[in-house]
Amino acid sequence: MRSDQTAVPVSYSTSSAFGRPGPGSSGHGLPVAGQSKAAGPVLVAATIAMGLMAGLFFAFDVSVMPGLAAGDDRTYVTAMQHINKSIENGLFGLVFVGAFLATGVAAWLQHKAGRRQVALWAAAATVLYVVALMVTMGVNIPLNNELAQAGDPSQIHDFAAVRTKFEGTWVAANMLRTLLCTAGLVSLTRALVLHGRSSR
């Protein structure tokens, strides 16, 4: 080697010659160091939270609402008032809000880590859950509030009218929430699979 030539480390020259990534590269032109260690756990948490929400809505579809539908108007109105009040607890709030936060953060972390396909699936799940939240805020919660405003069952004179105003729309909206959260769960499951492959 002549004195005017600069020595090049074998590891770099070999990588360049064969098109392989050099040290510090993820294989996609992005630095491995930028990949957050929290990306995987957050994605798992998002999937669990989304699954819990989908399961909750599904339970209403296949058991709670059909069971109440078989009863009389007074029983229906009274039971739904109690259910709506009981579900307003910290654990439900944690999962309800947590599913949104965890899914959105998971998409961001995967994007930051350079896993584009994983990030896209997580982002799709986030959008689906946002739509479910919009349905909840725009339909289910207002109907729950109206049912509560009907007052104590002992003071309600026309249970049939209260039930009719509530039942059909609430049930349809809940079915939509179930479909949206289930689709979100499928998207996050796909994201988990891709994340696992990229981490090997």
C-alpha atoms as a PDB file:
ATOM      1  CA  MET A   1       0.000   0.000   0.000  1.00  0.00           C
ATOM      2  CA  ARG A   2       1.327   3.396  -0.967  1.00  0.00           C
ATOM      3  CA  SER A   3       1.735   6.061   1.680  1.00  0.00           C
ATOM      4  CA  ASP A   4      -0.775   8.387  -0.036  1.00  0.00           C
ATOM      5  CA  GLN A   5      -3.598   5.835   0.281  1.00  0.00           C
ATOM      6  CA  THR A   6      -5.929   5.771   3.294  1.00  0.00           C
ATOM      7  CA  ALA A   7      -6.554   2.406   4.858  1.00  0.00           C
ATOM      8  CA  VAL A   8     -10.182   1.319   4.850  1.00  0.00           C
ATOM      9  CA  PRO A   9     -11.424  -1.116   7.524  1.00  0.00           C
ATOM     10  CA  VAL A  10     -12.314  -4.514   6.055  1.00  0.00           C
ATOM     11  CA  SER A  11     -15.750  -4.545   7.736  1.00  0.00           C
ATOM     12  CA  TYR A  12     -16.806  -1.361   5.934  1.00  0.00           C
ATOM     13  CA  SER A  13     -15.331  -2.156   2.556  1.00  0.00           C
ATOM     14  CA  THR A  14     -16.843  -5.650   2.547  1.00  0.00           C
ATOM     15  CA  SER A  15     -20.280  -4.372   3.488  1.00  0.00           C
ATOM     16  CA  SER A  16     -20.205  -1.783   0.728  1.00  0.00           C
ATOM     17  CA  ALA A  17     -18.929  -4.215  -1.864  1.00  0.00           C
ATOM     18  CA  PHE A  18     -21.742  -6.704  -1.339  1.00  0.00           C
ATOM     19  CA  GLY A  19     -24.519  -4.180  -0.601  1.00  0.00           C
ATOM     20  CA  ARG A  20     -24.902  -5.244   3.002  1.00  0.00           C
ATOM     21  CA  PRO A  21     -25.531  -2.678   5.730  1.00  0.00           C
ATOM     22  CA  GLY A  22     -22.562  -1.483   7.702  1.00  0.00           C
ATOM     23  CA  PRO A  23     -22.374  -1.281  11.485  1.00  0.00           C
ATOM     24  CA  GLY A  24     -25.193   0.657  13.132  1.00  0.00           C
ATOM     25  CA  SER A  25     -27.681  -0.016  10.320  1.00  0.00           C
ATOM     26  CA  SER A  26     -30.989  -1.856  10.592  1.00  0.00           C
ATOM     27  CA  GLY A  27     -30.863  -3.256   7.076  1.00  0.00           C
ATOM     28  CA  HIS A  28     -33.339  -0.681   5.819  1.00  0.00           C
ATOM     29  CA  GLY A  29     -31.070   2.333   5.890  1.00  0.00           C
ATOM     30  CA  LEU A  30     -32.187   3.269   9.391  1.00  0.00           C
ATOM     31  CA  PRO A  31     -30.092   3.195  12.567  1.00  0.00           C
ATOM     32  CA  VAL A  32     -30.702   0.329  14.961  1.00  0.00           C
ATOM     33  CA  ALA A  33     -30.003   2.702  17.858  1.00  0.00           C
ATOM     34  CA  GLY A  34     -33.186   4.597  17.019  1.00  0.00           C
ATOM     35  CA  GLN A  35     -35.369   1.579  17.659  1.00  0.00           C
ATOM     36  CA  SER A  36     -37.058   1.994  21.015  1.00  0.00           C
ATOM     37  CA  LYS A  37     -36.974  -0.925  23.421  1.00  0.00           C
ATOM     38  CA  ALA A  38     -40.475   0.060  24.502  1.00  0.00           C
ATOM     39  CA  ALA A  39     -41.959  -0.490  21.019  1.00  0.00           C
ATOM     40  CA  GLY A  40     -42.671  -4.177  21.552  1.00  0.00           C
ATOM     41  CA  PRO A  41     -44.174  -3.999  25.063  1.00  0.00           C
ATOM     42  CA  VAL A  42     -46.349  -1.019  24.146  1.00  0.00           C
ATOM     43  CA  LEU A  43     -47.631  -2.872  21.087  1.00  0.00           C
ATOM     44  CA  VAL A  44     -48.521  -5.856  23.276  1.00  0.00           C
ATOM     45  CA  ALA A  45     -50.309  -3.584  25.761  1.00  0.00           C
ATOM     46  CA  ALA A  46     -52.253  -1.934  22.936  1.00  0.00           C
ATOM     47  CA  THR A  47     -53.330  -5.330  21.597  1.00  0.00           C
ATOM     48  CA  ILE A  48     -54.523  -6.479  25.026  1.00  0.00           C
ATOM     49  CA  ALA A  49     -56.460  -3.255  25.646  1.00  0.00           C
ATOM     50  CA  MET A  50     -58.073  -3.392  22.208  1.00  0.00           C
ATOM     51  CA  GLY A  51     -59.017  -7.019  22.781  1.00  0.00           C
ATOM     52  CA  LEU A  52     -60.632  -6.167  26.103  1.00  0.00           C
ATOM     53  CA  MET A  53     -62.724  -3.405  24.498  1.00  0.00           C
ATOM     54  CA  ALA A  54     -63.774  -5.614  21.600  1.00  0.00           C
ATOM     55  CA  GLY A  55     -64.710  -8.345  24.077  1.00  0.00           C
ATOM     56  CA  LEU A  56     -66.720  -5.958  26.235  1.00  0.00           C
ATOM     57  CA  PHE A  57     -68.760  -4.667  23.323  1.00  0.00           C
ATOM     58  CA  PHE A  58     -69.196  -8.203  21.967  1.00  0.00           C
ATOM     59  CA  ALA A  59     -70.507  -9.382  25.347  1.00  0.00           C
ATOM     60  CA  PHE A  60     -73.220  -6.725  25.169  1.00  0.00           C
ATOM     61  CA  ASP A  61     -74.090  -7.839  21.623  1.00  0.00           C
ATOM     62  CA  VAL A  62     -74.489 -11.534  22.354  1.00  0.00           C
ATOM     63  CA  SER A  63     -75.622 -11.707  25.979  1.00  0.00           C
ATOM     64  CA  VAL A  64     -76.456  -8.504  27.858  1.00  0.00           C
ATOM     65  CA  MET A  65     -78.724  -6.826  25.320  1.00  0.00           C
ATOM     66  CA  PRO A  66     -80.474 -10.009  24.082  1.00  0.00           C
ATOM     67  CA  GLY A  67     -81.058 -10.991  27.705  1.00  0.00           C
ATOM     68  CA  LEU A  68     -82.559  -7.626  28.565  1.00  0.00           C
ATOM     69  CA  ALA A  69     -84.611  -7.630  25.380  1.00  0.00           C
ATOM     70  CA  ALA A  70     -86.438 -10.703  26.628  1.00  0.00           C
ATOM     71  CA  GLY A  71     -87.638  -8.866  29.734  1.00  0.00           C
ATOM     72  CA  ASP A  72     -90.365  -6.307  30.307  1.00  0.00           C
ATOM     73  CA  ASP A  73     -89.914  -2.567  29.785  1.00  0.00           C
ATOM     74  CA  ARG A  74     -89.448  -1.694  33.448  1.00  0.00           C
ATOM     75  CA  THR A  75     -86.783  -4.356  33.905  1.00  0.00           C
ATOM     76  CA  TYR A  76     -84.998  -3.207  30.751  1.00  0.00           C
ATOM     77  CA  VAL A  77     -84.864   0.460  31.716  1.00  0.00           C
ATOM     78  CA  THR A  78     -83.936  -0.217  35.332  1.00  0.00           C
ATOM     79  CA  ALA A  79     -81.184  -2.692  34.428  1.00  0.00           C
ATOM     80  CA  MET A  80     -79.626  -0.409  31.807  1.00  0.00           C
ATOM     81  CA  GLN A  81     -79.596   2.508  34.223  1.00  0.00           C
ATOM     82  CA  HIS A  82     -77.716   0.368  36.745  1.00  0.00           C
ATOM     83  CA  ILE A  83     -75.307  -0.995  34.105  1.00  0.00           C
ATOM     84  CA  ASN A  84     -74.490   2.471  32.784  1.00  0.00           C
ATOM     85  CA  LYS A  85     -73.798   3.708  36.305  1.00  0.00           C
ATOM     86  CA  SER A  86     -71.725   0.667  37.294  1.00  0.00           C
ATOM     87  CA  ILE A  87     -69.473   0.808  34.248  1.00  0.00           C
ATOM     88  CA  GLU A  88     -68.295   4.295  35.200  1.00  0.00           C
ATOM     89  CA  ASN A  89     -65.340   3.040  37.217  1.00  0.00           C
ATOM     90  CA  GLY A  90     -61.579   3.487  37.163  1.00  0.00           C
ATOM     91  CA  LEU A  91     -60.743   0.108  35.647  1.00  0.00           C
ATOM     92  CA  PHE A  92     -63.064   0.607  32.692  1.00  0.00           C
ATOM     93  CA  GLY A  93     -61.779   4.156  32.210  1.00  0.00           C
ATOM     94  CA  LEU A  94     -58.192   2.911  32.238  1.00  0.00           C
ATOM     95  CA  VAL A  95     -58.834   0.373  29.480  1.00  0.00           C
ATOM     96  CA  PHE A  96     -61.174   2.651  27.518  1.00  0.00           C
ATOM     97  CA  VAL A  97     -58.675   5.509  27.336  1.00  0.00           C
ATOM     98  CA  GLY A  98     -55.611   3.279  27.538  1.00  0.00           C
ATOM     99  CA  ALA A  99     -56.535   1.445  24.352  1.00  0.00           C
ATOM    100  CA  PHE A 100     -56.383   4.724  22.457  1.00  0.00           C
ATOM    101  CA  LEU A 101     -53.182   5.974  24.049  1.00  0.00           C
ATOM    102  CA  ALA A 102     -51.314   2.669  23.820  1.00  0.00           C
ATOM    103  CA  THR A 103     -52.294   2.095  20.190  1.00  0.00           C
ATOM    104  CA  GLY A 104     -51.306   5.589  19.127  1.00  0.00           C
ATOM    105  CA  VAL A 105     -48.005   5.453  21.004  1.00  0.00           C
ATOM    106  CA  ALA A 106     -47.310   1.990  19.574  1.00  0.00           C
ATOM    107  CA  ALA A 107     -47.736   3.304  16.027  1.00  0.00           C
ATOM    108  CA  TRP A 108     -45.409   6.219  16.749  1.00  0.00           C
ATOM    109  CA  LEU A 109     -42.727   4.051  18.347  1.00  0.00           C
ATOM    110  CA  GLN A 110     -42.805   1.568  15.479  1.00  0.00           C
ATOM    111  CA  HIS A 111     -42.465   4.416  12.990  1.00  0.00           C
ATOM    112  CA  LYS A 112     -39.575   5.840  14.987  1.00  0.00           C
ATOM    113  CA  ALA A 113     -37.911   2.420  15.005  1.00  0.00           C
ATOM    114  CA  GLY A 114     -38.108   2.251  11.216  1.00  0.00           C
ATOM    115  CA  ARG A 115     -40.675  -0.556  11.045  1.00  0.00           C
ATOM    116  CA  ARG A 116     -42.907   1.055   8.459  1.00  0.00           C
ATOM    117  CA  GLN A 117     -45.311  -1.840   7.882  1.00  0.00           C
ATOM    118  CA  VAL A 118     -45.778  -2.436  11.602  1.00  0.00           C
ATOM    119  CA  ALA A 119     -46.409   1.263  12.126  1.00  0.00           C
ATOM    120  CA  LEU A 120     -49.015   1.330   9.349  1.00  0.00           C
ATOM    121  CA  TRP A 121     -50.980  -1.561  10.880  1.00  0.00           C
ATOM    122  CA  ALA A 122     -50.830   0.056  14.317  1.00  0.00           C
ATOM    123  CA  ALA A 123     -51.905   3.387  12.821  1.00  0.00           C
ATOM    124  CA  ALA A 124     -54.851   1.659  11.123  1.00  0.00           C
ATOM    125  CA  ALA A 125     -55.887   0.246  14.502  1.00  0.00           C
ATOM    126  CA  THR A 126     -55.649   3.717  16.014  1.00  0.00           C
ATOM    127  CA  VAL A 127     -57.948   5.159  13.347  1.00  0.00           C
ATOM    128  CA  LEU A 128     -60.459   2.330  13.835  1.00  0.00           C
ATOM    129  CA  TYR A 129     -60.524   2.907  17.576  1.00  0.00           C
ATOM    130  CA  VAL A 130     -60.907   6.657  17.127  1.00  0.00           C
ATOM    131  CA  VAL A 131     -64.013   5.976  15.025  1.00  0.00           C
ATOM    132  CA  ALA A 132     -65.297   3.686  17.794  1.00  0.00           C
ATOM    133  CA  LEU A 133     -64.730   6.511  20.272  1.00  0.00           C
ATOM    134  CA  MET A 134     -66.659   8.884  18.022  1.00  0.00           C
ATOM    135  CA  VAL A 135     -69.578   6.451  17.925  1.00  0.00           C
ATOM    136  CA  THR A 136     -69.431   6.138  21.706  1.00  0.00           C
ATOM    137  CA  MET A 137     -69.302   9.897  22.289  1.00  0.00           C
ATOM    138  CA  GLY A 138     -71.827  10.736  19.596  1.00  0.00           C
ATOM    139  CA  VAL A 139     -74.414   7.999  20.121  1.00  0.00           C
ATOM    140  CA  ASN A 140     -74.051   5.672  23.100  1.00  0.00           C
ATOM    141  CA  ILE A 141     -73.143   8.198  25.799  1.00  0.00           C
ATOM    142  CA  PRO A 142     -75.905  10.703  24.851  1.00  0.00           C
ATOM    143  CA  LEU A 143     -78.424   7.843  24.935  1.00  0.00           C
ATOM    144  CA  ASN A 144     -77.081   6.714  28.313  1.00  0.00           C
ATOM    145  CA  ASN A 145     -77.486  10.257  29.605  1.00  0.00           C
ATOM    146  CA  GLU A 146     -81.051  10.467  28.330  1.00  0.00           C
ATOM    147  CA  LEU A 147     -81.854   7.176  30.015  1.00  0.00           C
ATOM    148  CA  ALA A 148     -80.430   8.484  33.288  1.00  0.00           C
ATOM    149  CA  GLN A 149     -82.402  11.704  32.932  1.00  0.00           C
ATOM    150  CA  ALA A 150     -85.599   9.693  32.709  1.00  0.00           C
ATOM    151  CA  GLY A 151     -85.248   9.543  36.465  1.00  0.00           C
ATOM    152  CA  ASP A 152     -85.786   6.951  39.132  1.00  0.00           C
ATOM    153  CA  PRO A 153     -87.822   3.981  37.888  1.00  0.00           C
ATOM    154  CA  SER A 154     -90.405   4.653  40.575  1.00  0.00           C
ATOM    155  CA  GLN A 155     -91.068   8.032  38.926  1.00  0.00           C
ATOM    156  CA  ILE A 156     -91.216   6.830  35.288  1.00  0.00           C
ATOM    157  CA  HIS A 157     -94.752   6.470  33.935  1.00  0.00           C
ATOM    158  CA  ASP A 158     -94.078   5.252  30.386  1.00  0.00           C
ATOM    159  CA  PHE A 159     -91.289   2.679  30.406  1.00  0.00           C
ATOM    160  CA  ALA A 160     -92.117   1.555  26.868  1.00  0.00           C
ATOM    161  CA  ALA A 161     -91.492   5.030  25.449  1.00  0.00           C
ATOM    162  CA  VAL A 162     -88.165   5.376  27.297  1.00  0.00           C
ATOM    163  CA  ARG A 163     -87.048   1.952  26.122  1.00  0.00           C
ATOM    164  CA  THR A 164     -88.105   2.491  22.510  1.00  0.00           C
ATOM    165  CA  LYS A 165     -86.145   5.744  22.297  1.00  0.00           C
ATOM    166  CA  PHE A 166     -83.045   4.028  23.640  1.00  0.00           C
ATOM    167  CA  GLU A 167     -82.880   0.396  22.590  1.00  0.00           C
ATOM    168  CA  GLY A 168     -82.684   0.182  18.800  1.00  0.00           C
ATOM    169  CA  THR A 169     -80.138   2.937  18.220  1.00  0.00           C
ATOM    170  CA  TRP A 170     -77.949   1.954  21.172  1.00  0.00           C
ATOM    171  CA  VAL A 171     -77.786  -1.695  20.116  1.00  0.00           C
ATOM    172  CA  ALA A 172     -76.924  -0.823  16.502  1.00  0.00           C
ATOM    173  CA  ALA A 173     -74.209   1.600  17.609  1.00  0.00           C
ATOM    174  CA  ASN A 174     -72.733  -1.008  19.947  1.00  0.00           C
ATOM    175  CA  MET A 175     -72.552  -3.549  17.132  1.00  0.00           C
ATOM    176  CA  LEU A 176     -70.640  -1.000  15.091  1.00  0.00           C
ATOM    177  CA  ARG A 177     -68.241  -0.466  17.998  1.00  0.00           C
ATOM    178  CA  THR A 178     -67.702  -4.213  18.193  1.00  0.00           C
ATOM    179  CA  LEU A 179     -66.838  -4.421  14.494  1.00  0.00           C
ATOM    180  CA  LEU A 180     -64.473  -1.447  14.689  1.00  0.00           C
ATOM    181  CA  CYS A 181     -62.615  -2.741  17.755  1.00  0.00           C
ATOM    182  CA  THR A 182     -62.431  -6.254  16.326  1.00  0.00           C
ATOM    183  CA  ALA A 183     -60.918  -4.862  13.129  1.00  0.00           C
ATOM    184  CA  GLY A 184     -58.514  -2.868  15.309  1.00  0.00           C
ATOM    185  CA  LEU A 185     -57.569  -6.052  17.160  1.00  0.00           C
ATOM    186  CA  VAL A 186     -56.880  -7.836  13.868  1.00  0.00           C
ATOM    187  CA  SER A 187     -54.700  -4.920  12.754  1.00  0.00           C
ATOM    188  CA  LEU A 188     -52.699  -4.970  15.977  1.00  0.00           C
ATOM    189  CA  THR A 189     -52.301  -8.734  15.774  1.00  0.00           C
ATOM    190  CA  ARG A 190     -50.849  -8.327  12.307  1.00  0.00           C
ATOM    191  CA  ALA A 191     -48.563  -5.599  13.643  1.00  0.00           C
ATOM    192  CA  LEU A 192     -47.363  -7.962  16.375  1.00  0.00           C
ATOM    193  CA  VAL A 193     -46.568 -10.677  13.843  1.00  0.00           C
ATOM    194  CA  LEU A 194     -44.573  -8.269  11.686  1.00  0.00           C
ATOM    195  CA  HIS A 195     -42.843  -6.850  14.740  1.00  0.00           C
ATOM    196  CA  GLY A 196     -41.804 -10.339  15.779  1.00  0.00           C
ATOM    197  CA  ARG A 197     -40.392 -11.110  12.355  1.00  0.00           C
ATOM    198  CA  SER A 198     -38.422  -7.885  12.215  1.00  0.00           C
ATOM    199  CA  SER A 199     -36.935  -8.514  15.647  1.00  0.00           C
ATOM    200  CA  ARG A 200     -35.438 -11.890  14.754  1.00  0.00           C
END
